[in-house]
Structure formats: C-alpha cells, structure tokens
Amino acid sequence: MQISSRFTVALHIFTCVDTFKDDYKVTSDFLAGSINANPVIIRKILTQLKNAGLITVARGTGGITVNRPLSEITFYDVYQAIEPVENGDLFHFHESPNPECPVGRNIHRLLDEKLKAIQDSMEDKMKEYTLADLRTGMREILAEEA
C-alpha cells in the first residue's frame, strides 16, 4: 500500500500558491513548472481540491485562491480531498478468504481492529499538521538561502 504522489503534489500546490500569490499568477502551467509534472495532472488535482471546497480556481484569467486560513487546513483535509478511501477503510481486505480454513475464517477477527487502529493513528497524526506549518517551514528555508 502506498499513498499516491497526488497527496504530496497537492501540498506542493498549496505551498506554491502561498509563496507566489503576491508575485505571480499561479496557474496550472505555473504549478506544473514547479512540480515538474504535466499541467493536465495538476488540473485534475486542482479539481479535487476545488470540489472539496479548499480552493477556488478563476477561469480564464487564472489564479488560485485558498478558501480558508492555512492554519485551518490540515494535511488530513488535503488527504481526504485527494485520496478518498473506499468505504472509509484505508486497508482493502482480500475479497473472500476461505471459510473452510481456520485462518481464512478468522482473519478479520485477527486484523480488523488492528488495521483500524493503524488508520486512526495515521489520520490523527495528519490532523496535527496544517498548511500554515508549510508556510512557516518555507519561510525559514528561504531565509536560510538568502
């Protein structure tokens, strides 16, 4: 299992929007240049973020606006927008373990609570970090480079 790169690309997008909003028109082409990805992929991610209510994208003139203060958008919010999990479960169980096998008929009893606890821990940790943390980190890095 691996969370796709769309999640980190979305965090990259938010960091670019915040870093460059006063100096450039941040468009999908602009973002694609920073991320080094196809603008079509960026537009798909922007659509997901827009559908989640996290951003507004101006058609025609271009430009992206973040809809809430960065301190109110957690990594979990972005994760939910970009990587929605099927039925709310991060771990996808194999479809039909053999009920005639003692392991097959009991595997859910062995794993379900543990996997749910792992998912809850990961999601709780994601809720601790906000996009404001990225702003702060980026400013510190840029100050070091100056």
Protein backbone atom coordinates (compact mmCIF):
# COMPACT_ATOMS: atom_id res chain seq x y z
CA MET A 1 0.00 0.00 0.00
CA GLN A 2 1.22 3.46 -0.82
CA ILE A 3 -0.44 6.83 -0.83
CA SER A 4 -0.09 8.22 -4.32
CA SER A 5 2.07 11.20 -5.16
CA ARG A 6 -1.12 13.25 -5.70
CA PHE A 7 -1.15 13.96 -1.95
CA THR A 8 2.35 15.46 -1.89
CA VAL A 9 1.66 17.26 -5.18
CA ALA A 10 -1.40 18.85 -3.53
CA LEU A 11 0.76 20.01 -0.62
CA HIS A 12 3.27 21.37 -3.16
CA ILE A 13 0.42 23.25 -4.87
CA PHE A 14 -0.68 24.91 -1.62
CA THR A 15 2.92 25.87 -0.83
CA CYS A 16 3.38 27.42 -4.28
CA VAL A 17 0.10 29.33 -4.09
CA ASP A 18 1.07 30.76 -0.71
CA THR A 19 4.68 31.51 -1.67
CA PHE A 20 3.99 33.14 -5.05
CA LYS A 21 0.45 34.58 -4.75
CA ASP A 22 1.68 38.17 -4.45
CA ASP A 23 4.22 37.99 -7.28
CA TYR A 24 2.78 35.70 -9.96
CA LYS A 25 -0.47 34.48 -11.38
CA VAL A 26 -0.40 30.92 -10.07
CA THR A 27 -1.91 28.77 -12.81
CA SER A 28 -1.78 25.06 -13.61
CA ASP A 29 1.05 25.76 -16.06
CA PHE A 30 2.97 27.71 -13.41
CA LEU A 31 2.45 24.89 -10.91
CA ALA A 32 3.42 22.25 -13.48
CA GLY A 33 6.76 24.04 -13.89
CA SER A 34 7.47 23.92 -10.16
CA ILE A 35 6.26 20.36 -9.70
CA ASN A 36 7.76 19.18 -12.99
CA ALA A 37 4.54 17.46 -13.98
CA ASN A 38 2.05 17.61 -16.81
CA PRO A 39 -0.43 20.51 -16.41
CA VAL A 40 -3.30 18.07 -17.03
CA ILE A 41 -2.36 16.16 -13.87
CA ILE A 42 -2.19 19.44 -11.95
CA ARG A 43 -5.64 20.46 -13.22
CA LYS A 44 -7.09 17.14 -12.06
CA ILE A 45 -5.69 17.67 -8.57
CA LEU A 46 -6.92 21.29 -8.58
CA THR A 47 -10.39 19.99 -9.45
CA GLN A 48 -10.29 17.62 -6.48
CA LEU A 49 -9.21 20.43 -4.16
CA LYS A 50 -11.90 22.70 -5.58
CA ASN A 51 -14.59 20.02 -5.18
CA ALA A 52 -13.53 19.64 -1.54
CA GLY A 53 -14.04 23.38 -1.05
CA LEU A 54 -10.39 24.03 -0.23
CA ILE A 55 -9.63 26.32 -3.17
CA THR A 56 -11.29 28.47 -5.80
CA VAL A 57 -9.91 28.49 -9.32
CA ALA A 58 -10.59 31.54 -11.50
CA ARG A 59 -11.43 30.51 -15.05
CA GLY A 60 -9.99 32.45 -17.94
CA THR A 61 -7.77 34.87 -16.05
CA GLY A 62 -6.36 32.06 -13.99
CA GLY A 63 -5.29 32.11 -10.42
CA ILE A 64 -6.00 30.06 -7.33
CA THR A 65 -7.39 31.25 -4.03
CA VAL A 66 -7.26 29.22 -0.84
CA ASN A 67 -10.71 29.33 0.76
CA ARG A 68 -9.72 29.12 4.43
CA PRO A 69 -6.80 30.30 6.51
CA LEU A 70 -3.85 27.92 6.13
CA SER A 71 -3.94 27.26 9.87
CA GLU A 72 -7.40 25.75 9.42
CA ILE A 73 -6.49 23.29 6.66
CA THR A 74 -4.81 20.14 7.91
CA PHE A 75 -2.86 17.55 5.99
CA TYR A 76 -5.82 15.29 6.74
CA ASP A 77 -8.18 17.70 4.92
CA VAL A 78 -5.93 17.55 1.86
CA TYR A 79 -5.60 13.78 2.14
CA GLN A 80 -9.39 13.41 2.27
CA ALA A 81 -9.74 15.59 -0.83
CA ILE A 82 -7.05 13.79 -2.82
CA GLU A 83 -7.03 10.21 -1.56
CA PRO A 84 -10.60 9.37 -0.59
CA VAL A 85 -10.57 5.86 0.81
CA GLU A 86 -13.10 3.29 -0.30
CA ASN A 87 -15.79 2.76 2.36
CA GLY A 88 -13.65 4.79 4.76
CA ASP A 89 -11.14 1.94 5.09
CA LEU A 90 -7.51 2.57 4.21
CA PHE A 91 -6.73 -1.13 4.05
CA HIS A 92 -8.53 -3.13 1.40
CA PHE A 93 -9.16 -6.67 2.52
CA HIS A 94 -8.93 -9.56 0.06
CA GLU A 95 -12.44 -10.39 -1.02
CA SER A 96 -13.19 -13.93 0.05
CA PRO A 97 -10.94 -15.71 2.48
CA ASN A 98 -11.69 -19.42 2.61
CA PRO A 99 -14.23 -20.12 5.40
CA GLU A 100 -13.08 -23.75 5.49
CA CYS A 101 -9.60 -22.65 6.56
CA PRO A 102 -9.15 -21.69 10.24
CA VAL A 103 -7.03 -18.70 9.20
CA GLY A 104 -9.40 -17.70 6.40
CA ARG A 105 -12.50 -17.75 8.59
CA ASN A 106 -10.78 -15.81 11.41
CA ILE A 107 -8.51 -13.35 9.59
CA HIS A 108 -10.97 -10.48 10.01
CA ARG A 109 -11.17 -11.13 13.75
CA LEU A 110 -7.38 -11.03 13.88
CA LEU A 111 -6.82 -7.92 11.78
CA ASP A 112 -9.84 -5.61 11.59
CA GLU A 113 -9.32 -3.78 14.90
CA LYS A 114 -5.57 -3.56 14.43
CA LEU A 115 -5.84 -2.14 10.92
CA LYS A 116 -8.48 0.35 12.07
CA ALA A 117 -6.18 1.47 14.90
CA ILE A 118 -3.31 1.94 12.44
CA GLN A 119 -5.51 4.01 10.13
CA ASP A 120 -6.84 6.10 13.02
CA SER A 121 -3.28 6.80 14.23
CA MET A 122 -2.15 7.91 10.79
CA GLU A 123 -5.19 10.14 10.32
CA ASP A 124 -4.83 11.65 13.80
CA LYS A 125 -1.18 12.48 13.06
CA MET A 126 -2.18 14.11 9.75
CA LYS A 127 -4.60 16.32 11.70
CA GLU A 128 -1.68 17.71 13.73
CA TYR A 129 -0.07 19.39 10.70
CA THR A 130 -1.55 22.33 8.84
CA LEU A 131 -0.72 24.22 5.70
CA ALA A 132 0.47 27.03 7.97
CA ASP A 133 3.28 24.67 9.02
CA LEU A 134 4.34 24.53 5.37
CA ARG A 135 4.26 28.34 5.16
CA THR A 136 6.45 28.63 8.26
CA GLY A 137 8.87 25.99 7.03
CA MET A 138 9.13 27.54 3.56
CA ARG A 139 9.84 30.98 5.03
CA GLU A 140 12.56 29.53 7.25
CA ILE A 141 14.17 27.74 4.32
CA LEU A 142 14.06 30.85 2.12
CA ALA A 143 15.59 32.94 4.92
CA GLU A 144 18.44 30.41 5.24
CA GLU A 145 19.05 30.57 1.50
CA ALA A 146 19.15 34.37 1.42
